[in-house]
Amino acid sequence: MLPPFIIEQIRKREEEARHRSEQPRLELPLPMPPPRVRRELDDESERGVVIVDLGSS
């Protein structure tokens, strides 16, 4: 069996946790983030080609 002071500490902590969870909460309306700007790739944009030779013999 636990000593009485430890039982009392556990009871106090449970009451404090219950009290915190019972407090009313207010949710603030936050502004929507701006839409992301999509970069569209043009067909004329420069693209590179890489050829990797693994030394096949």
PDB file of N, CA and C in Angstrom:
ATOM      1  N   MET A   1       0.850  -1.178   0.000  1.00  0.00           N
ATOM      2  CA  MET A   1       0.000   0.000   0.000  1.00  0.00           C
ATOM      3  C   MET A   1       0.893   1.236   0.000  1.00  0.00           C
ATOM      4  N   LEU A   2       0.447   2.273  -0.676  1.00  0.00           N
ATOM      5  CA  LEU A   2       1.213   3.512  -0.761  1.00  0.00           C
ATOM      6  C   LEU A   2       1.030   4.345   0.504  1.00  0.00           C
ATOM      7  N   PRO A   3       2.056   5.096   0.853  1.00  0.00           N
ATOM      8  CA  PRO A   3       1.915   5.995   2.010  1.00  0.00           C
ATOM      9  C   PRO A   3       0.840   7.059   1.726  1.00  0.00           C
ATOM     10  N   PRO A   4       0.181   7.542   2.778  1.00  0.00           N
ATOM     11  CA  PRO A   4      -0.914   8.508   2.591  1.00  0.00           C
ATOM     12  C   PRO A   4      -0.509   9.789   1.868  1.00  0.00           C
ATOM     13  N   PHE A   5       0.716  10.273   2.064  1.00  0.00           N
ATOM     14  CA  PHE A   5       1.111  11.526   1.411  1.00  0.00           C
ATOM     15  C   PHE A   5       1.243  11.336  -0.098  1.00  0.00           C
ATOM     16  N   ILE A   6       1.631  10.153  -0.543  1.00  0.00           N
ATOM     17  CA  ILE A   6       1.726   9.893  -1.981  1.00  0.00           C
ATOM     18  C   ILE A   6       0.317   9.811  -2.581  1.00  0.00           C
ATOM     19  N   ILE A   7      -0.600   9.165  -1.878  1.00  0.00           N
ATOM     20  CA  ILE A   7      -1.983   9.093  -2.343  1.00  0.00           C
ATOM     21  C   ILE A   7      -2.575  10.493  -2.449  1.00  0.00           C
ATOM     22  N   GLU A   8      -2.272  11.346  -1.485  1.00  0.00           N
ATOM     23  CA  GLU A   8      -2.766  12.724  -1.500  1.00  0.00           C
ATOM     24  C   GLU A   8      -2.184  13.500  -2.684  1.00  0.00           C
ATOM     25  N   GLN A   9      -0.916  13.313  -2.974  1.00  0.00           N
ATOM     26  CA  GLN A   9      -0.290  13.983  -4.119  1.00  0.00           C
ATOM     27  C   GLN A   9      -0.942  13.537  -5.433  1.00  0.00           C
ATOM     28  N   ILE A  10      -1.191  12.251  -5.571  1.00  0.00           N
ATOM     29  CA  ILE A  10      -1.832  11.734  -6.786  1.00  0.00           C
ATOM     30  C   ILE A  10      -3.224  12.342  -6.932  1.00  0.00           C
ATOM     31  N   ARG A  11      -3.979  12.405  -5.837  1.00  0.00           N
ATOM     32  CA  ARG A  11      -5.323  12.973  -5.868  1.00  0.00           C
ATOM     33  C   ARG A  11      -5.291  14.441  -6.276  1.00  0.00           C
ATOM     34  N   LYS A  12      -4.323  15.213  -5.736  1.00  0.00           N
ATOM     35  CA  LYS A  12      -4.197  16.636  -6.084  1.00  0.00           C
ATOM     36  C   LYS A  12      -3.870  16.808  -7.571  1.00  0.00           C
ATOM     37  N   ARG A  13      -2.962  15.987  -8.066  1.00  0.00           N
ATOM     38  CA  ARG A  13      -2.591  16.085  -9.485  1.00  0.00           C
ATOM     39  C   ARG A  13      -3.774  15.754 -10.381  1.00  0.00           C
ATOM     40  N   GLU A  14      -4.558  14.739 -10.010  1.00  0.00           N
ATOM     41  CA  GLU A  14      -5.738  14.397 -10.801  1.00  0.00           C
ATOM     42  C   GLU A  14      -6.763  15.524 -10.785  1.00  0.00           C
ATOM     43  N   GLU A  15      -6.951  16.156  -9.639  1.00  0.00           N
ATOM     44  CA  GLU A  15      -7.889  17.277  -9.553  1.00  0.00           C
ATOM     45  C   GLU A  15      -7.412  18.458 -10.394  1.00  0.00           C
ATOM     46  N   GLU A  16      -6.117  18.750 -10.358  1.00  0.00           N
ATOM     47  CA  GLU A  16      -5.575  19.850 -11.166  1.00  0.00           C
ATOM     48  C   GLU A  16      -5.750  19.554 -12.656  1.00  0.00           C
ATOM     49  N   ALA A  17      -5.499  18.308 -13.056  1.00  0.00           N
ATOM     50  CA  ALA A  17      -5.661  17.935 -14.461  1.00  0.00           C
ATOM     51  C   ALA A  17      -7.127  18.053 -14.876  1.00  0.00           C
ATOM     52  N   ARG A  18      -8.030  17.643 -14.010  1.00  0.00           N
ATOM     53  CA  ARG A  18      -9.461  17.742 -14.302  1.00  0.00           C
ATOM     54  C   ARG A  18      -9.883  19.206 -14.402  1.00  0.00           C
ATOM     55  N   HIS A  19      -9.346  20.036 -13.518  1.00  0.00           N
ATOM     56  CA  HIS A  19      -9.687  21.461 -13.527  1.00  0.00           C
ATOM     57  C   HIS A  19      -9.198  22.129 -14.819  1.00  0.00           C
ATOM     58  N   ARG A  20      -7.989  21.778 -15.268  1.00  0.00           N
ATOM     59  CA  ARG A  20      -7.449  22.357 -16.510  1.00  0.00           C
ATOM     60  C   ARG A  20      -8.284  21.942 -17.712  1.00  0.00           C
ATOM     61  N   SER A  21      -8.734  20.695 -17.721  1.00  0.00           N
ATOM     62  CA  SER A  21      -9.499  20.225 -18.882  1.00  0.00           C
ATOM     63  C   SER A  21     -10.912  20.800 -18.892  1.00  0.00           C
ATOM     64  N   GLU A  22     -11.418  21.252 -17.749  1.00  0.00           N
ATOM     65  CA  GLU A  22     -12.762  21.804 -17.677  1.00  0.00           C
ATOM     66  C   GLU A  22     -12.809  23.285 -18.019  1.00  0.00           C
ATOM     67  N   GLN A  23     -11.681  23.935 -18.129  1.00  0.00           N
ATOM     68  CA  GLN A  23     -11.675  25.362 -18.424  1.00  0.00           C
ATOM     69  C   GLN A  23     -12.182  25.596 -19.844  1.00  0.00           C
ATOM     70  N   PRO A  24     -13.004  26.630 -20.023  1.00  0.00           N
ATOM     71  CA  PRO A  24     -13.518  26.905 -21.373  1.00  0.00           C
ATOM     72  C   PRO A  24     -12.389  27.341 -22.310  1.00  0.00           C
ATOM     73  N   ARG A  25     -12.575  27.015 -23.564  1.00  0.00           N
ATOM     74  CA  ARG A  25     -11.576  27.375 -24.577  1.00  0.00           C
ATOM     75  C   ARG A  25     -12.239  28.213 -25.642  1.00  0.00           C
ATOM     76  N   LEU A  26     -11.496  29.123 -26.182  1.00  0.00           N
ATOM     77  CA  LEU A  26     -11.980  29.970 -27.255  1.00  0.00           C
ATOM     78  C   LEU A  26     -11.097  29.752 -28.472  1.00  0.00           C
ATOM     79  N   GLU A  27     -11.711  29.342 -29.562  1.00  0.00           N
ATOM     80  CA  GLU A  27     -10.945  29.145 -30.788  1.00  0.00           C
ATOM     81  C   GLU A  27     -11.035  30.415 -31.619  1.00  0.00           C
ATOM     82  N   LEU A  28      -9.889  30.942 -31.962  1.00  0.00           N
ATOM     83  CA  LEU A  28      -9.832  32.177 -32.739  1.00  0.00           C
ATOM     84  C   LEU A  28      -9.870  31.854 -34.223  1.00  0.00           C
ATOM     85  N   PRO A  29     -10.640  32.629 -34.972  1.00  0.00           N
ATOM     86  CA  PRO A  29     -10.633  32.407 -36.426  1.00  0.00           C
ATOM     87  C   PRO A  29      -9.313  32.925 -37.000  1.00  0.00           C
ATOM     88  N   LEU A  30      -8.575  32.050 -37.609  1.00  0.00           N
ATOM     89  CA  LEU A  30      -7.297  32.423 -38.198  1.00  0.00           C
ATOM     90  C   LEU A  30      -7.479  32.658 -39.684  1.00  0.00           C
ATOM     91  N   PRO A  31      -6.768  33.641 -40.235  1.00  0.00           N
ATOM     92  CA  PRO A  31      -6.893  33.880 -41.687  1.00  0.00           C
ATOM     93  C   PRO A  31      -6.326  32.703 -42.466  1.00  0.00           C
ATOM     94  N   MET A  32      -6.942  32.452 -43.602  1.00  0.00           N
ATOM     95  CA  MET A  32      -6.478  31.370 -44.459  1.00  0.00           C
ATOM     96  C   MET A  32      -5.120  31.747 -45.042  1.00  0.00           C
ATOM     97  N   PRO A  33      -4.201  30.796 -45.132  1.00  0.00           N
ATOM     98  CA  PRO A  33      -2.910  31.111 -45.739  1.00  0.00           C
ATOM     99  C   PRO A  33      -3.094  31.422 -47.223  1.00  0.00           C
ATOM    100  N   PRO A  34      -2.252  32.289 -47.769  1.00  0.00           N
ATOM    101  CA  PRO A  34      -2.395  32.620 -49.197  1.00  0.00           C
ATOM    102  C   PRO A  34      -2.133  31.386 -50.053  1.00  0.00           C
ATOM    103  N   PRO A  35      -2.799  31.292 -51.188  1.00  0.00           N
ATOM    104  CA  PRO A  35      -2.584  30.122 -52.046  1.00  0.00           C
ATOM    105  C   PRO A  35      -1.154  30.099 -52.572  1.00  0.00           C
ATOM    106  N   ARG A  36      -0.645  28.908 -52.703  1.00  0.00           N
ATOM    107  CA  ARG A  36       0.728  28.766 -53.208  1.00  0.00           C
ATOM    108  C   ARG A  36       0.751  29.046 -54.699  1.00  0.00           C
ATOM    109  N   VAL A  37       1.785  29.716 -55.109  1.00  0.00           N
ATOM    110  CA  VAL A  37       1.946  30.029 -56.525  1.00  0.00           C
ATOM    111  C   VAL A  37       2.640  28.841 -57.181  1.00  0.00           C
ATOM    112  N   ARG A  38       1.966  28.279 -58.174  1.00  0.00           N
ATOM    113  CA  ARG A  38       2.558  27.138 -58.872  1.00  0.00           C
ATOM    114  C   ARG A  38       3.363  27.637 -60.050  1.00  0.00           C
ATOM    115  N   ARG A  39       4.576  27.175 -60.119  1.00  0.00           N
ATOM    116  CA  ARG A  39       5.399  27.502 -61.288  1.00  0.00           C
ATOM    117  C   ARG A  39       5.102  26.482 -62.364  1.00  0.00           C
ATOM    118  N   GLU A  40       4.662  26.973 -63.488  1.00  0.00           N
ATOM    119  CA  GLU A  40       4.398  26.065 -64.592  1.00  0.00           C
ATOM    120  C   GLU A  40       5.619  26.038 -65.492  1.00  0.00           C
ATOM    121  N   LEU A  41       6.012  24.838 -65.863  1.00  0.00           N
ATOM    122  CA  LEU A  41       7.175  24.683 -66.731  1.00  0.00           C
ATOM    123  C   LEU A  41       6.741  24.894 -68.181  1.00  0.00           C
ATOM    124  N   ASP A  42       7.448  25.751 -68.853  1.00  0.00           N
ATOM    125  CA  ASP A  42       7.178  25.977 -70.266  1.00  0.00           C
ATOM    126  C   ASP A  42       7.838  24.867 -71.072  1.00  0.00           C
ATOM    127  N   ASP A  43       7.264  24.567 -72.210  1.00  0.00           N
ATOM    128  CA  ASP A  43       7.882  23.576 -73.084  1.00  0.00           C
ATOM    129  C   ASP A  43       9.205  24.095 -73.620  1.00  0.00           C
ATOM    130  N   GLU A  44       9.363  25.407 -73.643  1.00  0.00           N
ATOM    131  CA  GLU A  44      10.582  26.001 -74.176  1.00  0.00           C
ATOM    132  C   GLU A  44      11.663  26.157 -73.110  1.00  0.00           C
ATOM    133  N   SER A  45      11.347  25.771 -71.863  1.00  0.00           N
ATOM    134  CA  SER A  45      12.359  25.938 -70.827  1.00  0.00           C
ATOM    135  C   SER A  45      13.509  24.968 -71.073  1.00  0.00           C
ATOM    136  N   GLU A  46      14.669  25.367 -70.634  1.00  0.00           N
ATOM    137  CA  GLU A  46      15.855  24.556 -70.875  1.00  0.00           C
ATOM    138  C   GLU A  46      15.867  23.370 -69.918  1.00  0.00           C
ATOM    139  N   ARG A  47      15.963  22.201 -70.492  1.00  0.00           N
ATOM    140  CA  ARG A  47      16.062  20.994 -69.690  1.00  0.00           C
ATOM    141  C   ARG A  47      17.314  20.267 -70.119  1.00  0.00           C
ATOM    142  N   GLY A  48      17.939  19.623 -69.178  1.00  0.00           N
ATOM    143  CA  GLY A  48      19.171  18.919 -69.484  1.00  0.00           C
ATOM    144  C   GLY A  48      18.964  17.419 -69.503  1.00  0.00           C
ATOM    145  N   VAL A  49      19.862  16.742 -70.143  1.00  0.00           N
ATOM    146  CA  VAL A  49      19.866  15.290 -70.193  1.00  0.00           C
ATOM    147  C   VAL A  49      21.194  14.832 -69.645  1.00  0.00           C
ATOM    148  N   VAL A  50      21.155  13.880 -68.746  1.00  0.00           N
ATOM    149  CA  VAL A  50      22.391  13.347 -68.155  1.00  0.00           C
ATOM    150  C   VAL A  50      22.502  11.891 -68.572  1.00  0.00           C
ATOM    151  N   ILE A  51      23.659  11.550 -69.118  1.00  0.00           N
ATOM    152  CA  ILE A  51      23.926  10.169 -69.506  1.00  0.00           C
ATOM    153  C   ILE A  51      24.997   9.656 -68.574  1.00  0.00           C
ATOM    154  N   VAL A  52      24.685   8.562 -67.881  1.00  0.00           N
ATOM    155  CA  VAL A  52      25.637   7.983 -66.933  1.00  0.00           C
ATOM    156  C   VAL A  52      26.106   6.655 -67.500  1.00  0.00           C
ATOM    157  N   ASP A  53      27.407   6.561 -67.735  1.00  0.00           N
ATOM    158  CA  ASP A  53      27.988   5.319 -68.241  1.00  0.00           C
ATOM    159  C   ASP A  53      28.552   4.569 -67.050  1.00  0.00           C
ATOM    160  N   LEU A  54      27.996   3.411 -66.769  1.00  0.00           N
ATOM    161  CA  LEU A  54      28.431   2.617 -65.618  1.00  0.00           C
ATOM    162  C   LEU A  54      29.589   1.689 -65.973  1.00  0.00           C
ATOM    163  N   GLY A  55      30.174   1.916 -67.097  1.00  0.00           N
ATOM    164  CA  GLY A  55      31.348   1.144 -67.488  1.00  0.00           C
ATOM    165  C   GLY A  55      31.002  -0.277 -67.885  1.00  0.00           C
ATOM    166  N   SER A  56      29.905  -0.430 -68.598  1.00  0.00           N
ATOM    167  CA  SER A  56      29.516  -1.779 -69.033  1.00  0.00           C
ATOM    168  C   SER A  56      30.518  -2.271 -70.069  1.00  0.00           C
ATOM    169  N   SER A  57      31.128  -3.422 -69.836  1.00  0.00           N
ATOM    170  CA  SER A  57      32.113  -3.965 -70.780  1.00  0.00           C
ATOM    171  C   SER A  57      31.738  -5.353 -71.210  1.00  0.00           C
TER     172      SER A  57
END
